[in-house]
Amino acid sequence: MKRQLVIGMKGLRKVLQSDQGRFAAAPILLIESAGNKPVEEACKHVHFTLAEQLGFRTVVSNSLGESALPTLQSVEQQQKLAARVGAGIVCAVGSEAAIHLGKAVSEGMDELILFPASYPAVMASTMERSLMIDTKEETIVPDTAPAKKEVTLTDYGITLALPDKSIIGPPTESSARESAFAILAFCMARKYQGSPFNGEIITKLESFLSLVDEQPNDALEPLLISLSLVGEDMKWGLGRERRDIPLAILASLLPKIFPNSNPVAAMASLASTLAQDNNSSELVDLFHRLVGAFGEPSALICNQSVDALMGVVRENQAAWNCLDAGKVALTHCLSAHSLVD
């Protein structure tokens, strides 16, 4: 089973048609999510392709609703459903909640198909682990299962279909611009921590920026690939390496401080603060180019002090049992979210 990266419904349909016997060998658990029009359209198209056009045995689960992330309980429920129907493949479509849930449920499956339909979902599709909500602790935690090779872009057993503009919209929309700042903030945070990052992330981001005005139809793909590379490159702090600052902040602040936001927005909000004293002129120059093209990135701010926000991060760190960046670096980045200090 080869790892495959395709674009849009046409790309996914071609993969499914090329090996129908393998995909039809066992029922497919189709995990859908509700949400905005692109998410709902993606769910509808994938369901129609699997069940109607190709005739695969498909069991639909749409119990997520508009949840931002799955809960530990929802993973257990979906694993039981998959076992009961004899599913051999998981297909997750739509929001980041569906993507994270699909990845967690697919442990031990033959195949995983991911069709993200939002920018946060694209990043989620390549993360090493799944993010979910621990309702008892009221915080975001990683999947407790060992890191699954099937959910990386370097192994077999996964088909990742990046959405095209018919699903996710043109790259000139605000969510695309927000994603560009989020990608750059990730790289600037790495630089601020003194850690390397995959240089292809910036190469693709620069391609997006050079194309977005004059050739917008060609700009979406490099933006989505850059965002997927960020997810793939993310450090979780569960081994010897420290957790990335953007991951530490989004996992800590989204549930309690910014419950109506998303990971990409939380990351984009760091860009202006990190650009103020980053030690990479290349990244700072790219930030100013993005500002010149799109304006300043949106900010997620609250009335809590940096010290209070740091306390929330430390609570989340304890829930993860992970290594985090030093206090100075975290404090500097948290200041992007505080009106008090």
C-alpha atoms as a PDB file:
ATOM      1  CA  MET A   1       0.000   0.000   0.000  1.00  0.00           C
ATOM      2  CA  LYS A   2       1.632   3.211  -1.121  1.00  0.00           C
ATOM      3  CA  ARG A   3       1.326   6.561   0.563  1.00  0.00           C
ATOM      4  CA  GLN A   4      -0.483   8.941  -1.774  1.00  0.00           C
ATOM      5  CA  LEU A   5      -0.977  12.696  -1.792  1.00  0.00           C
ATOM      6  CA  VAL A   6      -3.666  13.877  -4.203  1.00  0.00           C
ATOM      7  CA  ILE A   7      -5.584  17.071  -4.899  1.00  0.00           C
ATOM      8  CA  GLY A   8      -9.363  17.362  -4.645  1.00  0.00           C
ATOM      9  CA  MET A   9     -12.209  14.959  -5.325  1.00  0.00           C
ATOM     10  CA  LYS A  10     -10.918  14.074  -8.775  1.00  0.00           C
ATOM     11  CA  GLY A  11      -7.602  12.971  -7.319  1.00  0.00           C
ATOM     12  CA  LEU A  12      -9.266  10.933  -4.580  1.00  0.00           C
ATOM     13  CA  ARG A  13     -11.704   9.301  -7.015  1.00  0.00           C
ATOM     14  CA  LYS A  14      -8.820   8.289  -9.268  1.00  0.00           C
ATOM     15  CA  VAL A  15      -7.021   6.588  -6.367  1.00  0.00           C
ATOM     16  CA  LEU A  16     -10.154   4.741  -5.279  1.00  0.00           C
ATOM     17  CA  GLN A  17     -10.948   3.606  -8.815  1.00  0.00           C
ATOM     18  CA  SER A  18      -7.385   2.417  -9.426  1.00  0.00           C
ATOM     19  CA  ASP A  19      -7.631  -0.280  -6.735  1.00  0.00           C
ATOM     20  CA  GLN A  20     -11.332  -0.853  -6.149  1.00  0.00           C
ATOM     21  CA  GLY A  21     -10.821  -4.426  -5.014  1.00  0.00           C
ATOM     22  CA  ARG A  22      -8.657  -3.408  -2.066  1.00  0.00           C
ATOM     23  CA  PHE A  23     -10.902  -0.550  -0.987  1.00  0.00           C
ATOM     24  CA  ALA A  24     -14.007  -2.727  -1.329  1.00  0.00           C
ATOM     25  CA  ALA A  25     -12.586  -5.624   0.705  1.00  0.00           C
ATOM     26  CA  ALA A  26     -14.119  -4.435   3.988  1.00  0.00           C
ATOM     27  CA  PRO A  27     -16.641  -1.786   5.070  1.00  0.00           C
ATOM     28  CA  ILE A  28     -15.418   1.804   5.228  1.00  0.00           C
ATOM     29  CA  LEU A  29     -16.146   3.812   8.364  1.00  0.00           C
ATOM     30  CA  LEU A  30     -16.868   7.310   7.056  1.00  0.00           C
ATOM     31  CA  ILE A  31     -16.406   9.928   9.780  1.00  0.00           C
ATOM     32  CA  GLU A  32     -18.100  13.195   8.813  1.00  0.00           C
ATOM     33  CA  SER A  33     -18.378  16.526  10.576  1.00  0.00           C
ATOM     34  CA  ALA A  34     -20.847  19.382  10.415  1.00  0.00           C
ATOM     35  CA  GLY A  35     -19.762  22.977  10.013  1.00  0.00           C
ATOM     36  CA  ASN A  36     -19.584  25.570   7.267  1.00  0.00           C
ATOM     37  CA  LYS A  37     -20.541  25.047   3.633  1.00  0.00           C
ATOM     38  CA  PRO A  38     -17.111  23.768   2.445  1.00  0.00           C
ATOM     39  CA  VAL A  39     -17.090  21.123   5.181  1.00  0.00           C
ATOM     40  CA  GLU A  40     -20.631  19.990   4.438  1.00  0.00           C
ATOM     41  CA  GLU A  41     -20.003  19.962   0.667  1.00  0.00           C
ATOM     42  CA  ALA A  42     -16.873  17.853   1.116  1.00  0.00           C
ATOM     43  CA  CYS A  43     -18.761  15.339   3.269  1.00  0.00           C
ATOM     44  CA  LYS A  44     -21.557  15.117   0.709  1.00  0.00           C
ATOM     45  CA  HIS A  45     -19.194  14.621  -2.244  1.00  0.00           C
ATOM     46  CA  VAL A  46     -17.051  11.968  -0.537  1.00  0.00           C
ATOM     47  CA  HIS A  47     -20.104  10.036   0.678  1.00  0.00           C
ATOM     48  CA  PHE A  48     -21.622  10.094  -2.813  1.00  0.00           C
ATOM     49  CA  THR A  49     -18.349   8.915  -4.387  1.00  0.00           C
ATOM     50  CA  LEU A  50     -17.829   6.058  -1.938  1.00  0.00           C
ATOM     51  CA  ALA A  51     -21.377   4.762  -1.643  1.00  0.00           C
ATOM     52  CA  GLU A  52     -23.086   5.688  -4.911  1.00  0.00           C
ATOM     53  CA  GLN A  53     -20.449   5.991  -7.624  1.00  0.00           C
ATOM     54  CA  LEU A  54     -18.115   3.217  -6.468  1.00  0.00           C
ATOM     55  CA  GLY A  55     -20.558   1.077  -4.473  1.00  0.00           C
ATOM     56  CA  PHE A  56     -18.307   0.602  -1.440  1.00  0.00           C
ATOM     57  CA  ARG A  57     -19.888  -0.657   1.754  1.00  0.00           C
ATOM     58  CA  THR A  58     -19.972   2.531   3.799  1.00  0.00           C
ATOM     59  CA  VAL A  59     -20.963   3.100   7.431  1.00  0.00           C
ATOM     60  CA  VAL A  60     -21.490   6.794   8.126  1.00  0.00           C
ATOM     61  CA  SER A  61     -20.768   8.347  11.492  1.00  0.00           C
ATOM     62  CA  ASN A  62     -21.639  12.014  11.896  1.00  0.00           C
ATOM     63  CA  SER A  63     -21.871  12.166  15.678  1.00  0.00           C
ATOM     64  CA  LEU A  64     -19.270  14.952  15.945  1.00  0.00           C
ATOM     65  CA  GLY A  65     -21.620  17.780  15.056  1.00  0.00           C
ATOM     66  CA  GLU A  66     -19.699  21.057  15.091  1.00  0.00           C
ATOM     67  CA  SER A  67     -17.279  20.042  17.840  1.00  0.00           C
ATOM     68  CA  ALA A  68     -13.901  21.764  17.606  1.00  0.00           C
ATOM     69  CA  LEU A  69     -12.099  18.544  18.541  1.00  0.00           C
ATOM     70  CA  PRO A  70     -13.112  14.981  19.425  1.00  0.00           C
ATOM     71  CA  THR A  71     -13.213  13.855  23.042  1.00  0.00           C
ATOM     72  CA  LEU A  72     -11.526  10.798  24.497  1.00  0.00           C
ATOM     73  CA  GLN A  73     -14.987   9.256  24.827  1.00  0.00           C
ATOM     74  CA  SER A  74     -15.834   9.819  21.153  1.00  0.00           C
ATOM     75  CA  VAL A  75     -12.682   7.955  20.100  1.00  0.00           C
ATOM     76  CA  GLU A  76     -13.697   4.965  22.213  1.00  0.00           C
ATOM     77  CA  GLN A  77     -17.245   5.056  20.794  1.00  0.00           C
ATOM     78  CA  GLN A  78     -16.007   5.135  17.198  1.00  0.00           C
ATOM     79  CA  GLN A  79     -13.537   2.315  17.809  1.00  0.00           C
ATOM     80  CA  LYS A  80     -16.405   0.175  19.115  1.00  0.00           C
ATOM     81  CA  LEU A  81     -18.524   1.088  16.076  1.00  0.00           C
ATOM     82  CA  ALA A  82     -15.673   0.187  13.705  1.00  0.00           C
ATOM     83  CA  ALA A  83     -15.218  -3.181  15.396  1.00  0.00           C
ATOM     84  CA  ARG A  84     -18.962  -3.904  15.357  1.00  0.00           C
ATOM     85  CA  VAL A  85     -19.325  -3.303  11.615  1.00  0.00           C
ATOM     86  CA  GLY A  86     -15.998  -4.927  10.702  1.00  0.00           C
ATOM     87  CA  ALA A  87     -14.540  -1.773   9.157  1.00  0.00           C
ATOM     88  CA  GLY A  88     -11.109  -2.181   7.589  1.00  0.00           C
ATOM     89  CA  ILE A  89     -10.714   1.410   6.418  1.00  0.00           C
ATOM     90  CA  VAL A  90     -11.392   4.765   8.036  1.00  0.00           C
ATOM     91  CA  CYS A  91     -12.238   7.759   5.847  1.00  0.00           C
ATOM     92  CA  ALA A  92     -12.365  11.091   7.721  1.00  0.00           C
ATOM     93  CA  VAL A  93     -13.836  14.115   5.957  1.00  0.00           C
ATOM     94  CA  GLY A  94     -14.354  17.767   6.797  1.00  0.00           C
ATOM     95  CA  SER A  95     -13.192  19.631   9.864  1.00  0.00           C
ATOM     96  CA  GLU A  96     -10.127  19.153  12.032  1.00  0.00           C
ATOM     97  CA  ALA A  97     -12.315  17.319  14.558  1.00  0.00           C
ATOM     98  CA  ALA A  98     -13.136  14.637  11.982  1.00  0.00           C
ATOM     99  CA  ILE A  99      -9.491  14.397  10.886  1.00  0.00           C
ATOM    100  CA  HIS A 100      -8.191  13.964  14.437  1.00  0.00           C
ATOM    101  CA  LEU A 101     -10.920  11.444  15.233  1.00  0.00           C
ATOM    102  CA  GLY A 102     -10.272   9.439  12.064  1.00  0.00           C
ATOM    103  CA  LYS A 103      -6.556   9.235  12.780  1.00  0.00           C
ATOM    104  CA  ALA A 104      -7.155   8.057  16.349  1.00  0.00           C
ATOM    105  CA  VAL A 105      -9.731   5.429  15.331  1.00  0.00           C
ATOM    106  CA  SER A 106      -7.588   4.065  12.478  1.00  0.00           C
ATOM    107  CA  GLU A 107      -5.074   2.347  14.762  1.00  0.00           C
ATOM    108  CA  GLY A 108      -4.715  -1.204  13.430  1.00  0.00           C
ATOM    109  CA  MET A 109      -6.757  -0.524  10.270  1.00  0.00           C
ATOM    110  CA  ASP A 110      -5.611  -1.420   6.754  1.00  0.00           C
ATOM    111  CA  GLU A 111      -6.004   2.073   5.321  1.00  0.00           C
ATOM    112  CA  LEU A 112      -6.690   5.667   6.289  1.00  0.00           C
ATOM    113  CA  ILE A 113      -8.232   8.217   3.930  1.00  0.00           C
ATOM    114  CA  LEU A 114      -8.226  11.890   4.926  1.00  0.00           C
ATOM    115  CA  PHE A 115     -10.118  14.645   3.113  1.00  0.00           C
ATOM    116  CA  PRO A 116      -9.672  17.890   5.090  1.00  0.00           C
ATOM    117  CA  ALA A 117     -11.967  20.741   4.090  1.00  0.00           C
ATOM    118  CA  SER A 118     -10.536  23.613   6.139  1.00  0.00           C
ATOM    119  CA  TYR A 119      -7.086  25.030   6.756  1.00  0.00           C
ATOM    120  CA  PRO A 120      -6.878  23.777  10.373  1.00  0.00           C
ATOM    121  CA  ALA A 121      -7.958  20.345   9.104  1.00  0.00           C
ATOM    122  CA  VAL A 122      -5.122  20.325   6.553  1.00  0.00           C
ATOM    123  CA  MET A 123      -2.596  20.922   9.332  1.00  0.00           C
ATOM    124  CA  ALA A 124      -4.280  18.279  11.505  1.00  0.00           C
ATOM    125  CA  SER A 125      -4.031  15.705   8.713  1.00  0.00           C
ATOM    126  CA  THR A 126      -0.234  15.473   8.967  1.00  0.00           C
ATOM    127  CA  MET A 127       0.303  15.900  12.712  1.00  0.00           C
ATOM    128  CA  GLU A 128       2.127  13.032  14.390  1.00  0.00           C
ATOM    129  CA  ARG A 129      -0.710  12.416  16.828  1.00  0.00           C
ATOM    130  CA  SER A 130      -4.341  13.346  17.212  1.00  0.00           C
ATOM    131  CA  LEU A 131      -5.517  16.178  19.432  1.00  0.00           C
ATOM    132  CA  MET A 132      -8.596  15.664  21.574  1.00  0.00           C
ATOM    133  CA  ILE A 133     -10.406  17.177  24.523  1.00  0.00           C
ATOM    134  CA  ASP A 134     -10.098  15.665  27.977  1.00  0.00           C
ATOM    135  CA  THR A 135     -13.451  16.768  29.391  1.00  0.00           C
ATOM    136  CA  LYS A 136     -12.425  15.955  32.976  1.00  0.00           C
ATOM    137  CA  GLU A 137      -9.366  18.211  32.840  1.00  0.00           C
ATOM    138  CA  GLU A 138     -10.945  20.736  30.417  1.00  0.00           C
ATOM    139  CA  THR A 139      -7.858  20.771  28.264  1.00  0.00           C
ATOM    140  CA  ILE A 140      -6.543  19.512  24.933  1.00  0.00           C
ATOM    141  CA  VAL A 141      -4.397  16.389  25.108  1.00  0.00           C
ATOM    142  CA  PRO A 142      -2.666  14.185  22.522  1.00  0.00           C
ATOM    143  CA  ASP A 143      -3.827  10.728  21.539  1.00  0.00           C
ATOM    144  CA  THR A 144      -2.489   8.356  24.185  1.00  0.00           C
ATOM    145  CA  ALA A 145      -1.769   5.610  21.645  1.00  0.00           C
ATOM    146  CA  PRO A 146       1.798   5.391  20.304  1.00  0.00           C
ATOM    147  CA  ALA A 147       2.550   7.699  17.399  1.00  0.00           C
ATOM    148  CA  LYS A 148       1.114   6.092  14.267  1.00  0.00           C
ATOM    149  CA  LYS A 149       3.339   5.879  11.224  1.00  0.00           C
ATOM    150  CA  GLU A 150       0.218   5.695   9.074  1.00  0.00           C
ATOM    151  CA  VAL A 151      -0.544   9.384   9.694  1.00  0.00           C
ATOM    152  CA  THR A 152       2.707  10.780   8.339  1.00  0.00           C
ATOM    153  CA  LEU A 153       3.432  11.647   4.735  1.00  0.00           C
ATOM    154  CA  THR A 154       6.503   9.393   4.707  1.00  0.00           C
ATOM    155  CA  ASP A 155       4.911   5.971   5.140  1.00  0.00           C
ATOM    156  CA  TYR A 156       2.303   3.674   3.653  1.00  0.00           C
ATOM    157  CA  GLY A 157      -1.352   3.255   4.429  1.00  0.00           C
ATOM    158  CA  ILE A 158      -2.634   6.792   3.996  1.00  0.00           C
ATOM    159  CA  THR A 159      -4.288   8.709   1.195  1.00  0.00           C
ATOM    160  CA  LEU A 160      -4.383  12.450   1.881  1.00  0.00           C
ATOM    161  CA  ALA A 161      -6.578  14.448  -0.476  1.00  0.00           C
ATOM    162  CA  LEU A 162      -5.821  18.148  -0.154  1.00  0.00           C
ATOM    163  CA  PRO A 163      -8.908  20.216  -1.004  1.00  0.00           C
ATOM    164  CA  ASP A 164      -8.993  22.233  -4.215  1.00  0.00           C
ATOM    165  CA  LYS A 165     -10.544  25.686  -4.640  1.00  0.00           C
ATOM    166  CA  SER A 166     -13.966  24.172  -5.394  1.00  0.00           C
ATOM    167  CA  ILE A 167     -14.071  22.974  -1.760  1.00  0.00           C
ATOM    168  CA  ILE A 168     -11.975  25.371   0.305  1.00  0.00           C
ATOM    169  CA  GLY A 169     -12.427  28.547  -1.736  1.00  0.00           C
ATOM    170  CA  PRO A 170      -9.894  30.791  -3.489  1.00  0.00           C
ATOM    171  CA  PRO A 171      -6.553  31.575  -1.812  1.00  0.00           C
ATOM    172  CA  THR A 172      -7.477  35.255  -1.589  1.00  0.00           C
ATOM    173  CA  GLU A 173      -9.996  34.659   1.231  1.00  0.00           C
ATOM    174  CA  SER A 174      -9.212  35.750   4.794  1.00  0.00           C
ATOM    175  CA  SER A 175      -8.763  32.189   6.047  1.00  0.00           C
ATOM    176  CA  ALA A 176      -6.015  31.619   3.472  1.00  0.00           C
ATOM    177  CA  ARG A 177      -4.233  34.821   4.477  1.00  0.00           C
ATOM    178  CA  GLU A 178      -4.532  33.809   8.128  1.00  0.00           C
ATOM    179  CA  SER A 179      -2.960  30.457   7.271  1.00  0.00           C
ATOM    180  CA  ALA A 180       0.005  32.183   5.624  1.00  0.00           C
ATOM    181  CA  PHE A 181       0.714  34.127   8.826  1.00  0.00           C
ATOM    182  CA  ALA A 182       0.262  30.946  10.888  1.00  0.00           C
ATOM    183  CA  ILE A 183       2.829  29.123   8.767  1.00  0.00           C
ATOM    184  CA  LEU A 184       5.327  31.953   9.140  1.00  0.00           C
ATOM    185  CA  ALA A 185       4.676  32.223  12.888  1.00  0.00           C
ATOM    186  CA  PHE A 186       5.513  28.534  13.265  1.00  0.00           C
ATOM    187  CA  CYS A 187       8.877  29.050  11.550  1.00  0.00           C
ATOM    188  CA  MET A 188       9.636  32.245  13.498  1.00  0.00           C
ATOM    189  CA  ALA A 189       8.819  30.491  16.770  1.00  0.00           C
ATOM    190  CA  ARG A 190      11.206  27.689  15.848  1.00  0.00           C
ATOM    191  CA  LYS A 191      13.890  30.268  15.108  1.00  0.00           C
ATOM    192  CA  TYR A 192      13.158  32.027  18.401  1.00  0.00           C
ATOM    193  CA  GLN A 193      13.542  28.704  20.223  1.00  0.00           C
ATOM    194  CA  GLY A 194      16.802  28.077  18.403  1.00  0.00           C
ATOM    195  CA  SER A 195      15.466  25.003  16.598  1.00  0.00           C
ATOM    196  CA  PRO A 196      15.593  24.152  12.878  1.00  0.00           C
ATOM    197  CA  PHE A 197      12.532  23.709  10.681  1.00  0.00           C
ATOM    198  CA  ASN A 198      11.830  22.166   7.298  1.00  0.00           C
ATOM    199  CA  GLY A 199      12.989  24.763   4.769  1.00  0.00           C
ATOM    200  CA  GLU A 200      10.418  23.543   2.244  1.00  0.00           C
ATOM    201  CA  ILE A 201       7.755  25.200   4.430  1.00  0.00           C
ATOM    202  CA  ILE A 202       9.088  28.659   3.565  1.00  0.00           C
ATOM    203  CA  THR A 203       9.774  27.732  -0.069  1.00  0.00           C
ATOM    204  CA  LYS A 204       6.108  26.807  -0.563  1.00  0.00           C
ATOM    205  CA  LEU A 205       4.922  29.878   1.363  1.00  0.00           C
ATOM    206  CA  GLU A 206       6.980  32.133  -0.892  1.00  0.00           C
ATOM    207  CA  SER A 207       5.501  30.373  -3.936  1.00  0.00           C
ATOM    208  CA  PHE A 208       2.022  31.120  -2.612  1.00  0.00           C
ATOM    209  CA  LEU A 209       2.885  34.778  -2.068  1.00  0.00           C
ATOM    210  CA  SER A 210       4.351  35.173  -5.559  1.00  0.00           C
ATOM    211  CA  LEU A 211       1.287  33.603  -7.201  1.00  0.00           C
ATOM    212  CA  VAL A 212      -1.667  34.804  -5.143  1.00  0.00           C
ATOM    213  CA  ASP A 213      -2.252  38.105  -6.984  1.00  0.00           C
ATOM    214  CA  GLU A 214      -1.605  37.269 -10.621  1.00  0.00           C
ATOM    215  CA  GLN A 215      -2.174  33.492 -10.694  1.00  0.00           C
ATOM    216  CA  PRO A 216      -4.542  32.754  -7.783  1.00  0.00           C
ATOM    217  CA  ASN A 217      -5.642  29.431  -9.275  1.00  0.00           C
ATOM    218  CA  ASP A 218      -2.083  28.159  -8.871  1.00  0.00           C
ATOM    219  CA  ALA A 219      -1.485  29.673  -5.414  1.00  0.00           C
ATOM    220  CA  LEU A 220      -3.678  27.384  -3.333  1.00  0.00           C
ATOM    221  CA  GLU A 221      -1.648  24.195  -3.724  1.00  0.00           C
ATOM    222  CA  PRO A 222       1.682  25.534  -2.372  1.00  0.00           C
ATOM    223  CA  LEU A 223      -0.155  27.143   0.560  1.00  0.00           C
ATOM    224  CA  LEU A 224      -1.845  23.854   1.498  1.00  0.00           C
ATOM    225  CA  ILE A 225       1.359  21.872   1.082  1.00  0.00           C
ATOM    226  CA  SER A 226       3.214  24.366   3.283  1.00  0.00           C
ATOM    227  CA  LEU A 227       0.521  24.048   5.950  1.00  0.00           C
ATOM    228  CA  SER A 228       0.662  20.245   5.772  1.00  0.00           C
ATOM    229  CA  LEU A 229       4.458  20.400   6.175  1.00  0.00           C
ATOM    230  CA  VAL A 230       3.967  22.455   9.345  1.00  0.00           C
ATOM    231  CA  GLY A 231       1.750  19.717  10.770  1.00  0.00           C
ATOM    232  CA  GLU A 232       4.270  17.073   9.812  1.00  0.00           C
ATOM    233  CA  ASP A 233       7.176  19.029  11.333  1.00  0.00           C
ATOM    234  CA  MET A 234       5.409  19.802  14.628  1.00  0.00           C
ATOM    235  CA  LYS A 235       7.313  18.749  17.772  1.00  0.00           C
ATOM    236  CA  TRP A 236       5.167  17.352  20.586  1.00  0.00           C
ATOM    237  CA  GLY A 237       7.607  17.299  23.512  1.00  0.00           C
ATOM    238  CA  LEU A 238       6.804  13.676  24.291  1.00  0.00           C
ATOM    239  CA  GLY A 239      10.363  12.478  23.709  1.00  0.00           C
ATOM    240  CA  ARG A 240      13.630  14.334  24.009  1.00  0.00           C
ATOM    241  CA  GLU A 241      12.589  17.324  21.920  1.00  0.00           C
ATOM    242  CA  ARG A 242      10.645  20.211  23.397  1.00  0.00           C
ATOM    243  CA  ARG A 243       7.080  20.921  22.339  1.00  0.00           C
ATOM    244  CA  ASP A 244       6.719  23.725  19.812  1.00  0.00           C
ATOM    245  CA  ILE A 245       5.543  27.012  21.268  1.00  0.00           C
ATOM    246  CA  PRO A 246       2.540  27.360  18.894  1.00  0.00           C
ATOM    247  CA  LEU A 247       1.357  23.861  19.817  1.00  0.00           C
ATOM    248  CA  ALA A 248       1.796  24.573  23.528  1.00  0.00           C
ATOM    249  CA  ILE A 249      -0.216  27.775  23.250  1.00  0.00           C
ATOM    250  CA  LEU A 250      -3.067  26.459  21.102  1.00  0.00           C
ATOM    251  CA  ALA A 251      -3.443  23.279  23.182  1.00  0.00           C
ATOM    252  CA  SER A 252      -3.550  25.334  26.371  1.00  0.00           C
ATOM    253  CA  LEU A 253      -5.506  28.471  25.497  1.00  0.00           C
ATOM    254  CA  LEU A 254      -8.121  27.314  22.984  1.00  0.00           C
ATOM    255  CA  PRO A 255     -10.334  25.319  25.379  1.00  0.00           C
ATOM    256  CA  LYS A 256     -10.520  27.884  28.205  1.00  0.00           C
ATOM    257  CA  ILE A 257      -9.447  31.254  26.832  1.00  0.00           C
ATOM    258  CA  PHE A 258     -10.411  31.219  23.126  1.00  0.00           C
ATOM    259  CA  PRO A 259     -13.013  28.419  22.811  1.00  0.00           C
ATOM    260  CA  ASN A 260     -14.478  29.801  19.577  1.00  0.00           C
ATOM    261  CA  SER A 261     -11.179  30.011  17.727  1.00  0.00           C
ATOM    262  CA  ASN A 262      -9.004  27.452  15.926  1.00  0.00           C
ATOM    263  CA  PRO A 263      -5.312  26.415  15.862  1.00  0.00           C
ATOM    264  CA  VAL A 264      -4.477  28.326  12.692  1.00  0.00           C
ATOM    265  CA  ALA A 265      -5.894  31.568  14.122  1.00  0.00           C
ATOM    266  CA  ALA A 266      -3.979  31.055  17.379  1.00  0.00           C
ATOM    267  CA  MET A 267      -0.744  30.563  15.477  1.00  0.00           C
ATOM    268  CA  ALA A 268      -1.323  33.508  13.126  1.00  0.00           C
ATOM    269  CA  SER A 269      -1.863  35.732  16.154  1.00  0.00           C
ATOM    270  CA  LEU A 270       1.775  35.168  17.173  1.00  0.00           C
ATOM    271  CA  ALA A 271       3.281  36.494  13.956  1.00  0.00           C
ATOM    272  CA  SER A 272       3.458  40.219  14.776  1.00  0.00           C
ATOM    273  CA  THR A 273       5.020  39.673  18.208  1.00  0.00           C
ATOM    274  CA  LEU A 274       7.583  37.200  16.895  1.00  0.00           C
ATOM    275  CA  ALA A 275       8.550  39.539  14.050  1.00  0.00           C
ATOM    276  CA  GLN A 276       9.474  42.316  16.478  1.00  0.00           C
ATOM    277  CA  ASP A 277      12.741  40.758  17.630  1.00  0.00           C
ATOM    278  CA  ASN A 278      13.257  37.594  15.593  1.00  0.00           C
ATOM    279  CA  ASN A 279      16.862  36.790  14.753  1.00  0.00           C
ATOM    280  CA  SER A 280      16.171  35.918  11.117  1.00  0.00           C
ATOM    281  CA  SER A 281      16.054  38.809   8.674  1.00  0.00           C
ATOM    282  CA  GLU A 282      14.696  36.447   6.000  1.00  0.00           C
ATOM    283  CA  LEU A 283      11.630  35.555   8.067  1.00  0.00           C
ATOM    284  CA  VAL A 284      11.046  39.142   9.198  1.00  0.00           C
ATOM    285  CA  ASP A 285      11.272  40.352   5.587  1.00  0.00           C
ATOM    286  CA  LEU A 286       8.729  37.704   4.590  1.00  0.00           C
ATOM    287  CA  PHE A 287       6.449  38.882   7.400  1.00  0.00           C
ATOM    288  CA  HIS A 288       6.542  42.451   6.048  1.00  0.00           C
ATOM    289  CA  ARG A 289       5.822  41.163   2.541  1.00  0.00           C
ATOM    290  CA  LEU A 290       2.757  39.340   3.858  1.00  0.00           C
ATOM    291  CA  VAL A 291       1.632  42.468   5.719  1.00  0.00           C
ATOM    292  CA  GLY A 292       2.099  44.500   2.548  1.00  0.00           C
ATOM    293  CA  ALA A 293      -0.039  42.035   0.606  1.00  0.00           C
ATOM    294  CA  PHE A 294      -2.742  41.262   3.185  1.00  0.00           C
ATOM    295  CA  GLY A 295      -2.524  43.741   6.053  1.00  0.00           C
ATOM    296  CA  GLU A 296      -1.697  42.956   9.681  1.00  0.00           C
ATOM    297  CA  PRO A 297      -2.759  39.507  10.925  1.00  0.00           C
ATOM    298  CA  SER A 298      -5.737  39.271  13.263  1.00  0.00           C
ATOM    299  CA  ALA A 299      -4.999  39.085  16.983  1.00  0.00           C
ATOM    300  CA  LEU A 300      -6.528  36.837  19.639  1.00  0.00           C
ATOM    301  CA  ILE A 301      -6.363  38.881  22.839  1.00  0.00           C
ATOM    302  CA  CYS A 302      -7.883  38.590  26.305  1.00  0.00           C
ATOM    303  CA  ASN A 303      -7.935  40.456  29.622  1.00  0.00           C
ATOM    304  CA  GLN A 304      -5.738  37.967  31.442  1.00  0.00           C
ATOM    305  CA  SER A 305      -2.114  38.639  32.320  1.00  0.00           C
ATOM    306  CA  VAL A 306       0.810  36.797  30.775  1.00  0.00           C
ATOM    307  CA  ASP A 307       1.450  35.167  34.157  1.00  0.00           C
ATOM    308  CA  ALA A 308      -2.125  33.863  34.236  1.00  0.00           C
ATOM    309  CA  LEU A 309      -1.812  32.522  30.702  1.00  0.00           C
ATOM    310  CA  MET A 310       1.492  30.910  31.612  1.00  0.00           C
ATOM    311  CA  GLY A 311      -0.306  29.120  34.450  1.00  0.00           C
ATOM    312  CA  VAL A 312      -2.774  27.657  31.933  1.00  0.00           C
ATOM    313  CA  VAL A 313       0.114  26.480  29.758  1.00  0.00           C
ATOM    314  CA  ARG A 314       1.809  24.824  32.735  1.00  0.00           C
ATOM    315  CA  GLU A 315      -1.433  23.019  33.623  1.00  0.00           C
ATOM    316  CA  ASN A 316      -1.637  21.719  30.066  1.00  0.00           C
ATOM    317  CA  GLN A 317       2.022  20.721  30.155  1.00  0.00           C
ATOM    318  CA  ALA A 318       1.299  18.581  33.215  1.00  0.00           C
ATOM    319  CA  ALA A 319      -1.632  16.932  31.415  1.00  0.00           C
ATOM    320  CA  TRP A 320       0.650  16.090  28.475  1.00  0.00           C
ATOM    321  CA  ASN A 321       3.652  15.131  30.624  1.00  0.00           C
ATOM    322  CA  CYS A 322       5.842  16.792  28.012  1.00  0.00           C
ATOM    323  CA  LEU A 323       8.853  19.063  27.689  1.00  0.00           C
ATOM    324  CA  ASP A 324       8.087  22.685  26.822  1.00  0.00           C
ATOM    325  CA  ALA A 325      10.100  25.656  25.655  1.00  0.00           C
ATOM    326  CA  GLY A 326      11.759  27.834  28.273  1.00  0.00           C
ATOM    327  CA  LYS A 327       9.816  30.398  30.270  1.00  0.00           C
ATOM    328  CA  VAL A 328      11.344  33.424  28.505  1.00  0.00           C
ATOM    329  CA  ALA A 329      10.344  32.194  25.041  1.00  0.00           C
ATOM    330  CA  LEU A 330       6.865  31.145  26.133  1.00  0.00           C
ATOM    331  CA  THR A 331       6.290  34.426  27.978  1.00  0.00           C
ATOM    332  CA  HIS A 332       7.325  36.435  24.940  1.00  0.00           C
ATOM    333  CA  CYS A 333       4.869  34.568  22.714  1.00  0.00           C
ATOM    334  CA  LEU A 334       2.046  34.646  25.249  1.00  0.00           C
ATOM    335  CA  SER A 335       2.314  38.421  25.342  1.00  0.00           C
ATOM    336  CA  ALA A 336       0.715  38.401  21.884  1.00  0.00           C
ATOM    337  CA  HIS A 337      -2.536  37.293  23.537  1.00  0.00           C
ATOM    338  CA  SER A 338      -2.609  39.562  26.612  1.00  0.00           C
ATOM    339  CA  LEU A 339      -4.012  43.074  26.930  1.00  0.00           C
ATOM    340  CA  VAL A 340      -2.879  43.388  30.527  1.00  0.00           C
ATOM    341  CA  ASP A 341       0.911  43.393  30.238  1.00  0.00           C
END
